């Protein structure tokens, strides 16, 4: 087997590589989402504390 055959996947390359791509994107979103949500939460809490201090 050579590299060209490997990447062609016996004629199913589009489906195989598309599936890998979608899986990678979903896993990336799952990994990054909590980080973004945590930053937003901390920012909201900081704003809330500033508002309370002004009162």
Protein backbone atom coordinates (compact mmCIF):
# COMPACT_ATOMS: atom_id res chain seq x y z
CA UNK A 1 0.00 0.00 0.00
CA UNK A 2 1.31 3.46 -0.86
CA UNK A 3 0.32 6.86 0.51
CA UNK A 4 -1.93 7.66 -2.42
CA UNK A 5 -4.00 4.53 -1.80
CA UNK A 6 -4.09 5.28 1.91
CA UNK A 7 -5.48 8.79 1.36
CA UNK A 8 -7.93 7.56 -1.30
CA UNK A 9 -9.41 5.06 1.21
CA UNK A 10 -10.66 2.72 -1.50
CA UNK A 11 -12.99 5.32 -3.00
CA UNK A 12 -14.50 6.38 0.31
CA UNK A 13 -11.98 9.13 1.01
CA UNK A 14 -14.52 11.96 1.00
CA UNK A 15 -16.73 10.30 3.61
CA UNK A 16 -13.82 9.15 5.76
CA UNK A 17 -11.94 12.46 5.78
CA UNK A 18 -15.16 14.44 6.14
CA UNK A 19 -16.02 12.35 9.20
CA UNK A 20 -12.57 12.92 10.65
CA UNK A 21 -12.92 16.66 10.00
CA UNK A 22 -16.34 16.93 11.60
CA UNK A 23 -15.17 14.91 14.60
CA UNK A 24 -12.12 17.14 15.02
CA UNK A 25 -14.23 20.32 14.84
CA UNK A 26 -16.77 19.01 17.37
CA UNK A 27 -14.04 17.92 19.77
CA UNK A 28 -12.37 21.32 19.42
CA UNK A 29 -15.66 23.07 20.23
CA UNK A 30 -16.21 20.79 23.23
CA UNK A 31 -12.71 21.58 24.51
CA UNK A 32 -12.87 25.36 23.98
CA UNK A 33 -16.46 26.00 25.08
CA UNK A 34 -15.88 25.66 28.86
CA UNK A 35 -12.89 27.99 28.67
CA UNK A 36 -14.96 30.68 26.97
CA UNK A 37 -17.87 30.17 29.35
CA UNK A 38 -15.57 30.44 32.37
CA UNK A 39 -14.11 33.72 31.10
CA UNK A 40 -17.62 35.11 30.53
CA UNK A 41 -18.73 34.00 33.99
CA UNK A 42 -15.72 35.61 35.68
CA UNK A 43 -16.23 38.81 33.70
CA UNK A 44 -19.92 38.93 34.72
CA UNK A 45 -19.04 38.34 38.37
CA UNK A 46 -16.46 41.11 38.30
CA UNK A 47 -19.02 43.51 36.83
CA UNK A 48 -21.57 42.47 39.43
CA UNK A 49 -19.09 43.12 42.24
CA UNK A 50 -18.25 46.55 40.81
CA UNK A 51 -21.95 47.42 40.70
CA UNK A 52 -22.40 46.29 44.30
CA UNK A 53 -19.45 48.38 45.47
CA UNK A 54 -20.93 51.50 43.87
CA UNK A 55 -24.23 51.03 45.69
